Amino acid sequence: MFVRCCRNKLNQSAYFIQRFSSTLVVAEHDNQKLIPVTLNAITAANQIGGDVTCLVAGTQCAKVAEECSQIQGVKKVLLADNEAFKGFLPESVSPVVLAAQKQFNFSHIIAGSSAISKNLIPRVAAKLDVSPISDITGVKDPDTFIRLIYAGNAVQTLKSLDSLKLITVRSTAFEAAESGGNGTTENAPEVSISNTLSEFVSQELSKSDRPDLASARSVISGGRGMKNGENFQLLYDLAEKMNAAVGASRAAVDAGYVPNDLQVGQTGKIVAPDLYIAVGISGAIQHLAGMKDSKVIVAINKDPEAPIFQVADYGIVMDLFKAIPEMTSLLDKK
């Protein structure tokens, strides 16, 4: 009888933890529409349980708030529209996150893993004196999360004792949340923003007809074996035929072959497309951490001992300067 009573108390305790979980998802967007990583973060928030609120902070971004309110699982959207949020600088955005936390007392604050969130979440965590939990790949319960460590070579199950959890979510580990919700929208708490630490000057956006690297179903990446930036045109030509995105290893980026927004890896973008073609990439651990969750991996390298072949589903031991033109030519015939 005593054991049964204890079990009932434990079950009731678990129920109340689940019942009173509440999550704030910091939405990323371009002031016109949501960036896909936010949809993955909302899925993670729904797995935690409880009410899900989204914070949309930007400039003339009412459209984004409306889109966010229609995502399944989102109960409420907080809209913070202010010129001060131009460029999404963490020094400007963090005060409104802190104000929202003070007013609503969320149990979790979540964002998709990106350059913006990697700036914002640690800053908010420091202000609130809690430890951030980065790049989770799974949710076991509201306090326990799964993440990869040692460049993806080990899986860690982490239980946080903090009353507030600040989390970034690896987008490739969670499905994108779908539309079909009916959340409400209200203004975020008003806060005085005085950012004297940083200033948004400008941004240069590269335009391409190819899919976005982070969300493409097919990705072709080049490494140091490409020898120079001009040779990446071979990959661009092949990508056009396959409707694929083009990526690069850190070695290729560091050598100046391509800009760093194409970098795939632990210190670049994490991708998990249906097809990943690694061209002239040896297979350093840091690169594998960013693409080894791809469904099918094809490696092209003239060195049969290259580590990339250990994770590849298909390998082509061949000079890339012969293999890529042949592949492009075959696609031309179709």
C-alpha atoms as a PDB file:
ATOM      1  CA  MET A   1       0.000   0.000   0.000  1.00  0.00           C
ATOM      2  CA  PHE A   2       2.822   2.366   0.851  1.00  0.00           C
ATOM      3  CA  VAL A   3       4.470   1.826  -2.554  1.00  0.00           C
ATOM      4  CA  ARG A   4       1.198   2.475  -4.318  1.00  0.00           C
ATOM      5  CA  CYS A   5       0.728   5.800  -2.515  1.00  0.00           C
ATOM      6  CA  CYS A   6       4.250   6.889  -3.436  1.00  0.00           C
ATOM      7  CA  ARG A   7       3.596   6.090  -7.064  1.00  0.00           C
ATOM      8  CA  ASN A   8       0.403   8.140  -7.024  1.00  0.00           C
ATOM      9  CA  LYS A   9       2.272  11.124  -5.578  1.00  0.00           C
ATOM     10  CA  LEU A  10       4.988  10.805  -8.186  1.00  0.00           C
ATOM     11  CA  ASN A  11       2.423  10.640 -10.959  1.00  0.00           C
ATOM     12  CA  GLN A  12       0.634  13.695  -9.603  1.00  0.00           C
ATOM     13  CA  SER A  13       3.940  15.566  -9.349  1.00  0.00           C
ATOM     14  CA  ALA A  14       4.784  14.715 -12.971  1.00  0.00           C
ATOM     15  CA  TYR A  15       1.320  15.878 -13.997  1.00  0.00           C
ATOM     16  CA  PHE A  16       1.699  19.282 -12.346  1.00  0.00           C
ATOM     17  CA  ILE A  17       5.185  19.763 -13.875  1.00  0.00           C
ATOM     18  CA  GLN A  18       3.709  19.041 -17.308  1.00  0.00           C
ATOM     19  CA  ARG A  19       0.608  21.147 -16.622  1.00  0.00           C
ATOM     20  CA  PHE A  20       2.494  24.287 -15.645  1.00  0.00           C
ATOM     21  CA  SER A  21       5.239  24.158 -18.269  1.00  0.00           C
ATOM     22  CA  SER A  22       5.139  27.243 -20.458  1.00  0.00           C
ATOM     23  CA  THR A  23       7.532  28.015 -23.271  1.00  0.00           C
ATOM     24  CA  LEU A  24       8.552  31.205 -25.031  1.00  0.00           C
ATOM     25  CA  VAL A  25       9.836  30.608 -28.566  1.00  0.00           C
ATOM     26  CA  VAL A  26      11.936  33.468 -29.933  1.00  0.00           C
ATOM     27  CA  ALA A  27      10.875  33.668 -33.579  1.00  0.00           C
ATOM     28  CA  GLU A  28      13.443  34.374 -36.286  1.00  0.00           C
ATOM     29  CA  HIS A  29      12.293  36.131 -39.406  1.00  0.00           C
ATOM     30  CA  ASP A  30      13.179  38.687 -42.065  1.00  0.00           C
ATOM     31  CA  ASN A  31      10.302  41.038 -41.143  1.00  0.00           C
ATOM     32  CA  GLN A  32       8.223  39.455 -43.907  1.00  0.00           C
ATOM     33  CA  LYS A  33       8.059  35.751 -43.066  1.00  0.00           C
ATOM     34  CA  LEU A  34       9.309  33.222 -40.547  1.00  0.00           C
ATOM     35  CA  ILE A  35      12.703  31.584 -41.018  1.00  0.00           C
ATOM     36  CA  PRO A  36      12.273  27.758 -41.021  1.00  0.00           C
ATOM     37  CA  VAL A  37      14.366  27.157 -37.858  1.00  0.00           C
ATOM     38  CA  THR A  38      11.525  28.717 -35.856  1.00  0.00           C
ATOM     39  CA  LEU A  39       9.144  25.971 -36.984  1.00  0.00           C
ATOM     40  CA  ASN A  40      11.547  23.316 -35.690  1.00  0.00           C
ATOM     41  CA  ALA A  41      11.845  25.173 -32.385  1.00  0.00           C
ATOM     42  CA  ILE A  42       8.033  25.259 -32.051  1.00  0.00           C
ATOM     43  CA  THR A  43       7.932  21.475 -32.509  1.00  0.00           C
ATOM     44  CA  ALA A  44      10.449  21.082 -29.675  1.00  0.00           C
ATOM     45  CA  ALA A  45       8.359  23.442 -27.522  1.00  0.00           C
ATOM     46  CA  ASN A  46       5.244  21.356 -28.163  1.00  0.00           C
ATOM     47  CA  GLN A  47       7.128  18.220 -27.093  1.00  0.00           C
ATOM     48  CA  ILE A  48       7.978  19.876 -23.773  1.00  0.00           C
ATOM     49  CA  GLY A  49       4.276  20.428 -23.194  1.00  0.00           C
ATOM     50  CA  GLY A  50       2.259  23.264 -21.741  1.00  0.00           C
ATOM     51  CA  ASP A  51       1.405  26.582 -23.367  1.00  0.00           C
ATOM     52  CA  VAL A  52       3.589  27.843 -26.224  1.00  0.00           C
ATOM     53  CA  THR A  53       4.058  31.583 -26.783  1.00  0.00           C
ATOM     54  CA  CYS A  54       6.074  33.118 -29.631  1.00  0.00           C
ATOM     55  CA  LEU A  55       7.924  36.413 -29.449  1.00  0.00           C
ATOM     56  CA  VAL A  56       8.139  38.286 -32.747  1.00  0.00           C
ATOM     57  CA  ALA A  57      10.521  41.237 -32.404  1.00  0.00           C
ATOM     58  CA  GLY A  58      11.323  43.236 -35.514  1.00  0.00           C
ATOM     59  CA  THR A  59      10.577  46.251 -37.677  1.00  0.00           C
ATOM     60  CA  GLN A  60       7.180  46.416 -39.427  1.00  0.00           C
ATOM     61  CA  CYS A  61       6.737  42.698 -38.782  1.00  0.00           C
ATOM     62  CA  ALA A  62       2.978  42.376 -38.133  1.00  0.00           C
ATOM     63  CA  LYS A  63       2.789  39.938 -41.071  1.00  0.00           C
ATOM     64  CA  VAL A  64       5.188  37.603 -39.287  1.00  0.00           C
ATOM     65  CA  ALA A  65       3.119  37.716 -36.094  1.00  0.00           C
ATOM     66  CA  GLU A  66       0.023  36.747 -38.071  1.00  0.00           C
ATOM     67  CA  GLU A  67       1.881  33.849 -39.711  1.00  0.00           C
ATOM     68  CA  CYS A  68       3.197  32.718 -36.339  1.00  0.00           C
ATOM     69  CA  SER A  69      -0.279  32.707 -34.762  1.00  0.00           C
ATOM     70  CA  GLN A  70      -1.408  30.194 -37.380  1.00  0.00           C
ATOM     71  CA  ILE A  71       1.202  27.562 -36.483  1.00  0.00           C
ATOM     72  CA  GLN A  72      -0.120  24.494 -34.682  1.00  0.00           C
ATOM     73  CA  GLY A  73       0.568  24.540 -30.971  1.00  0.00           C
ATOM     74  CA  VAL A  74       1.087  28.300 -30.668  1.00  0.00           C
ATOM     75  CA  LYS A  75      -1.375  29.717 -28.166  1.00  0.00           C
ATOM     76  CA  LYS A  76      -0.205  33.318 -28.124  1.00  0.00           C
ATOM     77  CA  VAL A  77       2.101  35.663 -30.044  1.00  0.00           C
ATOM     78  CA  LEU A  78       3.838  38.654 -28.468  1.00  0.00           C
ATOM     79  CA  LEU A  79       4.530  41.355 -31.055  1.00  0.00           C
ATOM     80  CA  ALA A  80       7.359  43.837 -30.446  1.00  0.00           C
ATOM     81  CA  ASP A  81       7.558  46.237 -33.391  1.00  0.00           C
ATOM     82  CA  ASN A  82      10.297  48.831 -33.029  1.00  0.00           C
ATOM     83  CA  GLU A  83      13.005  50.403 -35.181  1.00  0.00           C
ATOM     84  CA  ALA A  84      15.452  49.476 -32.415  1.00  0.00           C
ATOM     85  CA  PHE A  85      15.218  45.819 -33.484  1.00  0.00           C
ATOM     86  CA  LYS A  86      16.686  46.529 -36.907  1.00  0.00           C
ATOM     87  CA  GLY A  87      19.399  43.967 -37.582  1.00  0.00           C
ATOM     88  CA  PHE A  88      18.173  41.768 -34.673  1.00  0.00           C
ATOM     89  CA  LEU A  89      21.118  42.755 -32.486  1.00  0.00           C
ATOM     90  CA  PRO A  90      21.152  40.777 -29.210  1.00  0.00           C
ATOM     91  CA  GLU A  91      21.825  43.952 -27.209  1.00  0.00           C
ATOM     92  CA  SER A  92      18.499  45.331 -28.507  1.00  0.00           C
ATOM     93  CA  VAL A  93      16.376  42.172 -28.512  1.00  0.00           C
ATOM     94  CA  SER A  94      17.410  40.770 -25.114  1.00  0.00           C
ATOM     95  CA  PRO A  95      15.598  43.499 -23.063  1.00  0.00           C
ATOM     96  CA  VAL A  96      12.215  42.558 -24.543  1.00  0.00           C
ATOM     97  CA  VAL A  97      12.901  38.854 -23.924  1.00  0.00           C
ATOM     98  CA  LEU A  98      13.743  39.660 -20.306  1.00  0.00           C
ATOM     99  CA  ALA A  99      10.620  41.803 -19.962  1.00  0.00           C
ATOM    100  CA  ALA A 100       8.446  38.996 -21.350  1.00  0.00           C
ATOM    101  CA  GLN A 101      10.030  36.544 -18.912  1.00  0.00           C
ATOM    102  CA  LYS A 102       9.445  38.892 -15.979  1.00  0.00           C
ATOM    103  CA  GLN A 103       5.776  39.320 -16.854  1.00  0.00           C
ATOM    104  CA  PHE A 104       4.823  35.756 -17.839  1.00  0.00           C
ATOM    105  CA  ASN A 105       7.364  33.672 -15.862  1.00  0.00           C
ATOM    106  CA  PHE A 106       7.985  31.051 -18.554  1.00  0.00           C
ATOM    107  CA  SER A 107       9.564  27.727 -17.616  1.00  0.00           C
ATOM    108  CA  HIS A 108      11.462  27.494 -20.926  1.00  0.00           C
ATOM    109  CA  ILE A 109      12.828  29.954 -23.493  1.00  0.00           C
ATOM    110  CA  ILE A 110      13.686  28.324 -26.826  1.00  0.00           C
ATOM    111  CA  ALA A 111      15.149  29.370 -30.175  1.00  0.00           C
ATOM    112  CA  GLY A 112      16.294  27.513 -33.266  1.00  0.00           C
ATOM    113  CA  SER A 113      20.061  27.062 -33.447  1.00  0.00           C
ATOM    114  CA  SER A 114      21.393  29.862 -35.652  1.00  0.00           C
ATOM    115  CA  ALA A 115      23.836  32.747 -35.648  1.00  0.00           C
ATOM    116  CA  ILE A 116      21.177  35.021 -34.135  1.00  0.00           C
ATOM    117  CA  SER A 117      20.198  32.657 -31.316  1.00  0.00           C
ATOM    118  CA  LYS A 118      23.824  31.846 -30.505  1.00  0.00           C
ATOM    119  CA  ASN A 119      24.255  35.568 -29.814  1.00  0.00           C
ATOM    120  CA  LEU A 120      20.954  36.097 -28.021  1.00  0.00           C
ATOM    121  CA  ILE A 121      20.373  33.069 -25.780  1.00  0.00           C
ATOM    122  CA  PRO A 122      23.726  33.162 -23.896  1.00  0.00           C
ATOM    123  CA  ARG A 123      23.239  36.885 -23.255  1.00  0.00           C
ATOM    124  CA  VAL A 124      19.749  36.341 -21.833  1.00  0.00           C
ATOM    125  CA  ALA A 125      21.018  33.374 -19.804  1.00  0.00           C
ATOM    126  CA  ALA A 126      23.765  35.509 -18.272  1.00  0.00           C
ATOM    127  CA  LYS A 127      21.246  38.220 -17.354  1.00  0.00           C
ATOM    128  CA  LEU A 128      19.014  35.604 -15.681  1.00  0.00           C
ATOM    129  CA  ASP A 129      21.924  33.702 -14.107  1.00  0.00           C
ATOM    130  CA  VAL A 130      21.063  30.299 -15.609  1.00  0.00           C
ATOM    131  CA  SER A 131      23.032  27.880 -17.772  1.00  0.00           C
ATOM    132  CA  PRO A 132      21.995  27.761 -21.456  1.00  0.00           C
ATOM    133  CA  ILE A 133      21.485  24.354 -23.062  1.00  0.00           C
ATOM    134  CA  SER A 134      22.694  24.400 -26.647  1.00  0.00           C
ATOM    135  CA  ASP A 135      21.774  22.441 -29.738  1.00  0.00           C
ATOM    136  CA  ILE A 136      19.383  19.841 -28.303  1.00  0.00           C
ATOM    137  CA  THR A 137      18.323  16.944 -30.528  1.00  0.00           C
ATOM    138  CA  GLY A 138      15.600  15.474 -28.340  1.00  0.00           C
ATOM    139  CA  VAL A 139      13.232  16.094 -25.414  1.00  0.00           C
ATOM    140  CA  LYS A 140      12.727  13.383 -22.772  1.00  0.00           C
ATOM    141  CA  ASP A 141      10.717  15.495 -20.324  1.00  0.00           C
ATOM    142  CA  PRO A 142      10.473  19.182 -19.364  1.00  0.00           C
ATOM    143  CA  ASP A 143      13.767  18.950 -17.449  1.00  0.00           C
ATOM    144  CA  THR A 144      15.720  16.405 -19.504  1.00  0.00           C
ATOM    145  CA  PHE A 145      17.156  16.852 -22.984  1.00  0.00           C
ATOM    146  CA  ILE A 146      19.370  15.016 -25.447  1.00  0.00           C
ATOM    147  CA  ARG A 147      22.272  16.676 -27.237  1.00  0.00           C
ATOM    148  CA  LEU A 148      25.391  15.660 -29.118  1.00  0.00           C
ATOM    149  CA  ILE A 149      28.872  16.340 -27.749  1.00  0.00           C
ATOM    150  CA  TYR A 150      32.454  15.825 -28.948  1.00  0.00           C
ATOM    151  CA  ALA A 151      31.551  16.862 -32.515  1.00  0.00           C
ATOM    152  CA  GLY A 152      28.673  14.398 -32.602  1.00  0.00           C
ATOM    153  CA  ASN A 153      30.684  11.394 -31.458  1.00  0.00           C
ATOM    154  CA  ALA A 154      28.790  11.010 -28.155  1.00  0.00           C
ATOM    155  CA  VAL A 155      25.182  11.480 -27.083  1.00  0.00           C
ATOM    156  CA  GLN A 156      24.532  13.282 -23.803  1.00  0.00           C
ATOM    157  CA  THR A 157      21.349  13.084 -21.746  1.00  0.00           C
ATOM    158  CA  LEU A 158      21.234  16.277 -19.696  1.00  0.00           C
ATOM    159  CA  LYS A 159      18.912  17.060 -16.790  1.00  0.00           C
ATOM    160  CA  SER A 160      18.668  20.718 -15.820  1.00  0.00           C
ATOM    161  CA  LEU A 161      17.848  21.725 -12.248  1.00  0.00           C
ATOM    162  CA  ASP A 162      17.331  25.385 -13.187  1.00  0.00           C
ATOM    163  CA  SER A 163      13.776  26.630 -12.752  1.00  0.00           C
ATOM    164  CA  LEU A 164      14.128  28.321 -16.154  1.00  0.00           C
ATOM    165  CA  LYS A 165      15.661  26.517 -19.117  1.00  0.00           C
ATOM    166  CA  LEU A 166      17.168  28.485 -22.019  1.00  0.00           C
ATOM    167  CA  ILE A 167      17.576  26.226 -25.022  1.00  0.00           C
ATOM    168  CA  THR A 168      18.676  26.248 -28.646  1.00  0.00           C
ATOM    169  CA  VAL A 169      17.324  23.520 -30.916  1.00  0.00           C
ATOM    170  CA  ARG A 170      19.168  21.695 -33.684  1.00  0.00           C
ATOM    171  CA  SER A 171      16.683  22.155 -36.526  1.00  0.00           C
ATOM    172  CA  THR A 172      17.567  18.927 -38.342  1.00  0.00           C
ATOM    173  CA  ALA A 173      16.489  16.871 -35.303  1.00  0.00           C
ATOM    174  CA  PHE A 174      12.876  18.131 -35.217  1.00  0.00           C
ATOM    175  CA  GLU A 175      10.187  18.223 -37.890  1.00  0.00           C
ATOM    176  CA  ALA A 176       8.899  21.644 -38.888  1.00  0.00           C
ATOM    177  CA  ALA A 177       5.633  22.587 -37.186  1.00  0.00           C
ATOM    178  CA  GLU A 178       2.706  22.888 -39.580  1.00  0.00           C
ATOM    179  CA  SER A 179       0.108  25.591 -39.987  1.00  0.00           C
ATOM    180  CA  GLY A 180      -3.445  25.164 -38.789  1.00  0.00           C
ATOM    181  CA  GLY A 181      -3.346  26.898 -35.419  1.00  0.00           C
ATOM    182  CA  ASN A 182      -5.449  29.727 -34.098  1.00  0.00           C
ATOM    183  CA  GLY A 183      -3.365  31.669 -31.599  1.00  0.00           C
ATOM    184  CA  THR A 184      -3.994  35.200 -30.380  1.00  0.00           C
ATOM    185  CA  THR A 185      -1.689  38.191 -30.864  1.00  0.00           C
ATOM    186  CA  GLU A 186      -0.948  40.922 -28.348  1.00  0.00           C
ATOM    187  CA  ASN A 187       1.726  43.537 -27.846  1.00  0.00           C
ATOM    188  CA  ALA A 188       4.870  42.470 -26.042  1.00  0.00           C
ATOM    189  CA  PRO A 189       5.682  44.189 -22.741  1.00  0.00           C
ATOM    190  CA  GLU A 190       6.932  47.718 -23.295  1.00  0.00           C
ATOM    191  CA  VAL A 191      10.577  48.216 -22.501  1.00  0.00           C
ATOM    192  CA  SER A 192      13.063  51.036 -22.854  1.00  0.00           C
ATOM    193  CA  ILE A 193      15.804  50.024 -25.288  1.00  0.00           C
ATOM    194  CA  SER A 194      19.100  51.872 -25.152  1.00  0.00           C
ATOM    195  CA  ASN A 195      21.755  50.032 -27.126  1.00  0.00           C
ATOM    196  CA  THR A 196      25.058  51.877 -26.957  1.00  0.00           C
ATOM    197  CA  LEU A 197      27.170  48.740 -27.396  1.00  0.00           C
ATOM    198  CA  SER A 198      26.508  47.844 -31.018  1.00  0.00           C
ATOM    199  CA  GLU A 199      25.087  49.342 -34.182  1.00  0.00           C
ATOM    200  CA  PHE A 200      23.549  47.750 -37.255  1.00  0.00           C
ATOM    201  CA  VAL A 201      25.215  49.251 -40.320  1.00  0.00           C
ATOM    202  CA  SER A 202      24.140  47.179 -43.313  1.00  0.00           C
ATOM    203  CA  GLN A 203      23.870  43.680 -44.686  1.00  0.00           C
ATOM    204  CA  GLU A 204      24.605  42.143 -48.058  1.00  0.00           C
ATOM    205  CA  LEU A 205      22.371  39.302 -49.111  1.00  0.00           C
ATOM    206  CA  SER A 206      23.497  36.942 -51.833  1.00  0.00           C
ATOM    207  CA  LYS A 207      20.712  36.094 -54.264  1.00  0.00           C
ATOM    208  CA  SER A 208      20.478  32.719 -55.937  1.00  0.00           C
ATOM    209  CA  ASP A 209      17.894  30.649 -57.754  1.00  0.00           C
ATOM    210  CA  ARG A 210      19.200  27.591 -55.915  1.00  0.00           C
ATOM    211  CA  PRO A 211      17.488  26.355 -52.722  1.00  0.00           C
ATOM    212  CA  ASP A 212      18.569  27.614 -49.306  1.00  0.00           C
ATOM    213  CA  LEU A 213      21.422  25.541 -47.901  1.00  0.00           C
ATOM    214  CA  ALA A 214      19.801  24.893 -44.518  1.00  0.00           C
ATOM    215  CA  SER A 215      16.527  23.562 -45.954  1.00  0.00           C
ATOM    216  CA  ALA A 216      17.516  22.076 -49.346  1.00  0.00           C
ATOM    217  CA  ARG A 217      16.634  18.455 -50.089  1.00  0.00           C
ATOM    218  CA  SER A 218      19.905  18.002 -51.990  1.00  0.00           C
ATOM    219  CA  VAL A 219      23.282  19.550 -51.155  1.00  0.00           C
ATOM    220  CA  ILE A 220      26.583  19.449 -53.063  1.00  0.00           C
ATOM    221  CA  SER A 221      29.584  20.555 -51.004  1.00  0.00           C
ATOM    222  CA  GLY A 222      33.165  21.180 -52.064  1.00  0.00           C
ATOM    223  CA  GLY A 223      36.329  20.991 -50.021  1.00  0.00           C
ATOM    224  CA  ARG A 224      39.992  21.840 -50.274  1.00  0.00           C
ATOM    225  CA  GLY A 225      40.222  19.474 -53.237  1.00  0.00           C
ATOM    226  CA  MET A 226      38.434  22.079 -55.375  1.00  0.00           C
ATOM    227  CA  LYS A 227      41.808  23.936 -55.388  1.00  0.00           C
ATOM    228  CA  ASN A 228      40.314  27.414 -55.908  1.00  0.00           C
ATOM    229  CA  GLY A 229      37.102  29.388 -55.933  1.00  0.00           C
ATOM    230  CA  GLU A 230      36.763  29.394 -59.726  1.00  0.00           C
ATOM    231  CA  ASN A 231      36.480  25.601 -59.735  1.00  0.00           C
ATOM    232  CA  PHE A 232      33.345  25.820 -57.577  1.00  0.00           C
ATOM    233  CA  GLN A 233      31.590  26.748 -60.824  1.00  0.00           C
ATOM    234  CA  LEU A 234      31.636  23.002 -61.554  1.00  0.00           C
ATOM    235  CA  LEU A 235      29.486  22.445 -58.481  1.00  0.00           C
ATOM    236  CA  TYR A 236      27.205  25.378 -59.297  1.00  0.00           C
ATOM    237  CA  ASP A 237      26.567  23.914 -62.761  1.00  0.00           C
ATOM    238  CA  LEU A 238      25.778  20.486 -61.327  1.00  0.00           C
ATOM    239  CA  ALA A 239      23.586  22.002 -58.621  1.00  0.00           C
ATOM    240  CA  GLU A 240      21.543  23.845 -61.266  1.00  0.00           C
ATOM    241  CA  LYS A 241      20.775  20.529 -62.964  1.00  0.00           C
ATOM    242  CA  MET A 242      19.806  18.874 -59.663  1.00  0.00           C
ATOM    243  CA  ASN A 243      18.018  21.824 -58.056  1.00  0.00           C
ATOM    244  CA  ALA A 244      20.477  21.461 -55.187  1.00  0.00           C
ATOM    245  CA  ALA A 245      22.144  23.880 -52.782  1.00  0.00           C
ATOM    246  CA  VAL A 246      25.915  24.340 -52.713  1.00  0.00           C
ATOM    247  CA  GLY A 247      27.935  24.089 -49.513  1.00  0.00           C
ATOM    248  CA  ALA A 248      31.595  23.938 -48.537  1.00  0.00           C
ATOM    249  CA  SER A 249      33.917  22.550 -45.906  1.00  0.00           C
ATOM    250  CA  ARG A 250      35.653  24.806 -43.413  1.00  0.00           C
ATOM    251  CA  ALA A 251      38.954  24.245 -45.231  1.00  0.00           C
ATOM    252  CA  ALA A 252      37.459  25.661 -48.450  1.00  0.00           C
ATOM    253  CA  VAL A 253      36.008  28.647 -46.610  1.00  0.00           C
ATOM    254  CA  ASP A 254      39.237  29.350 -44.714  1.00  0.00           C
ATOM    255  CA  ALA A 255      41.143  29.205 -48.002  1.00  0.00           C
ATOM    256  CA  GLY A 256      38.850  31.914 -49.388  1.00  0.00           C
ATOM    257  CA  TYR A 257      37.288  29.768 -52.113  1.00  0.00           C
ATOM    258  CA  VAL A 258      33.710  30.659 -51.091  1.00  0.00           C
ATOM    259  CA  PRO A 259      32.001  32.917 -48.487  1.00  0.00           C
ATOM    260  CA  ASN A 260      31.477  31.559 -44.987  1.00  0.00           C
ATOM    261  CA  ASP A 261      27.674  31.414 -45.320  1.00  0.00           C
ATOM    262  CA  LEU A 262      28.243  28.235 -47.371  1.00  0.00           C
ATOM    263  CA  GLN A 263      30.156  26.471 -44.602  1.00  0.00           C
ATOM    264  CA  VAL A 264      28.751  23.138 -43.448  1.00  0.00           C
ATOM    265  CA  GLY A 265      30.022  21.727 -40.173  1.00  0.00           C
ATOM    266  CA  GLN A 266      30.195  22.110 -36.428  1.00  0.00           C
ATOM    267  CA  THR A 267      31.142  25.783 -36.739  1.00  0.00           C
ATOM    268  CA  GLY A 268      28.951  26.324 -39.804  1.00  0.00           C
ATOM    269  CA  LYS A 269      25.483  25.156 -40.803  1.00  0.00           C
ATOM    270  CA  ILE A 270      23.995  21.827 -39.738  1.00  0.00           C
ATOM    271  CA  VAL A 271      22.212  20.138 -42.645  1.00  0.00           C
ATOM    272  CA  ALA A 272      20.347  16.863 -43.089  1.00  0.00           C
ATOM    273  CA  PRO A 273      19.151  16.700 -46.710  1.00  0.00           C
ATOM    274  CA  ASP A 274      17.839  13.635 -48.534  1.00  0.00           C
ATOM    275  CA  LEU A 275      21.062  13.633 -50.605  1.00  0.00           C
ATOM    276  CA  TYR A 276      24.470  15.016 -49.633  1.00  0.00           C
ATOM    277  CA  ILE A 277      27.335  14.907 -52.153  1.00  0.00           C
ATOM    278  CA  ALA A 278      30.782  15.603 -50.678  1.00  0.00           C
ATOM    279  CA  VAL A 279      33.258  16.586 -53.393  1.00  0.00           C
ATOM    280  CA  GLY A 280      36.962  16.784 -52.609  1.00  0.00           C
ATOM    281  CA  ILE A 281      36.254  16.693 -48.863  1.00  0.00           C
ATOM    282  CA  SER A 282      38.512  14.526 -46.718  1.00  0.00           C
ATOM    283  CA  GLY A 283      35.998  14.108 -43.905  1.00  0.00           C
ATOM    284  CA  ALA A 284      37.291  15.991 -40.868  1.00  0.00           C
ATOM    285  CA  ILE A 285      35.250  15.418 -37.696  1.00  0.00           C
ATOM    286  CA  GLN A 286      34.159  19.055 -37.645  1.00  0.00           C
ATOM    287  CA  HIS A 287      32.621  18.707 -41.111  1.00  0.00           C
ATOM    288  CA  LEU A 288      31.001  15.337 -40.410  1.00  0.00           C
ATOM    289  CA  ALA A 289      29.235  16.835 -37.384  1.00  0.00           C
ATOM    290  CA  GLY A 290      27.331  19.126 -39.740  1.00  0.00           C
ATOM    291  CA  MET A 291      26.120  16.608 -42.337  1.00  0.00           C
ATOM    292  CA  LYS A 292      26.276  13.015 -41.104  1.00  0.00           C
ATOM    293  CA  ASP A 293      22.506  12.944 -40.430  1.00  0.00           C
ATOM    294  CA  SER A 294      21.871  13.212 -44.193  1.00  0.00           C
ATOM    295  CA  LYS A 295      19.753  10.349 -45.490  1.00  0.00           C
ATOM    296  CA  VAL A 296      22.104   9.412 -48.355  1.00  0.00           C
ATOM    297  CA  ILE A 297      25.758  10.493 -48.464  1.00  0.00           C
ATOM    298  CA  VAL A 298      27.841  10.269 -51.642  1.00  0.00           C
ATOM    299  CA  ALA A 299      31.586  10.938 -51.446  1.00  0.00           C
ATOM    300  CA  ILE A 300      33.798  11.801 -54.424  1.00  0.00           C
ATOM    301  CA  ASN A 301      37.511  11.740 -53.660  1.00  0.00           C
ATOM    302  CA  LYS A 302      40.582  10.419 -55.442  1.00  0.00           C
ATOM    303  CA  ASP A 303      42.046   9.192 -52.134  1.00  0.00           C
ATOM    304  CA  PRO A 304      40.493   5.788 -51.279  1.00  0.00           C
ATOM    305  CA  GLU A 305      41.656   6.180 -47.668  1.00  0.00           C
ATOM    306  CA  ALA A 306      39.814   9.471 -47.100  1.00  0.00           C
ATOM    307  CA  PRO A 307      37.797   9.340 -43.822  1.00  0.00           C
ATOM    308  CA  ILE A 308      34.688  10.589 -45.644  1.00  0.00           C
ATOM    309  CA  PHE A 309      34.219   7.113 -47.130  1.00  0.00           C
ATOM    310  CA  GLN A 310      33.630   5.698 -43.632  1.00  0.00           C
ATOM    311  CA  VAL A 311      30.310   7.553 -43.349  1.00  0.00           C
ATOM    312  CA  ALA A 312      29.350   7.552 -47.049  1.00  0.00           C
ATOM    313  CA  ASP A 313      26.597   5.315 -48.412  1.00  0.00           C
ATOM    314  CA  TYR A 314      28.205   5.492 -51.851  1.00  0.00           C
ATOM    315  CA  GLY A 315      31.785   6.324 -52.737  1.00  0.00           C
ATOM    316  CA  ILE A 316      33.390   7.306 -56.027  1.00  0.00           C
ATOM    317  CA  VAL A 317      37.189   7.016 -56.021  1.00  0.00           C
ATOM    318  CA  MET A 318      37.943   9.354 -58.889  1.00  0.00           C
ATOM    319  CA  ASP A 319      39.434  12.738 -59.717  1.00  0.00           C
ATOM    320  CA  LEU A 320      36.627  15.218 -59.066  1.00  0.00           C
ATOM    321  CA  PHE A 321      37.593  17.230 -62.152  1.00  0.00           C
ATOM    322  CA  LYS A 322      36.586  14.224 -64.239  1.00  0.00           C
ATOM    323  CA  ALA A 323      33.693  12.960 -62.133  1.00  0.00           C
ATOM    324  CA  ILE A 324      31.708  16.202 -61.819  1.00  0.00           C
ATOM    325  CA  PRO A 325      31.725  17.114 -65.562  1.00  0.00           C
ATOM    326  CA  GLU A 326      30.669  13.535 -66.366  1.00  0.00           C
ATOM    327  CA  MET A 327      27.776  13.720 -63.911  1.00  0.00           C
ATOM    328  CA  THR A 328      26.697  17.087 -65.346  1.00  0.00           C
ATOM    329  CA  SER A 329      26.915  15.692 -68.871  1.00  0.00           C
ATOM    330  CA  LEU A 330      24.742  12.702 -67.961  1.00  0.00           C
ATOM    331  CA  LEU A 331      22.092  14.991 -66.530  1.00  0.00           C
ATOM    332  CA  ASP A 332      22.187  17.061 -69.744  1.00  0.00           C
ATOM    333  CA  LYS A 333      21.131  13.989 -71.699  1.00  0.00           C
ATOM    334  CA  LYS A 334      17.968  13.505 -69.663  1.00  0.00           C
END
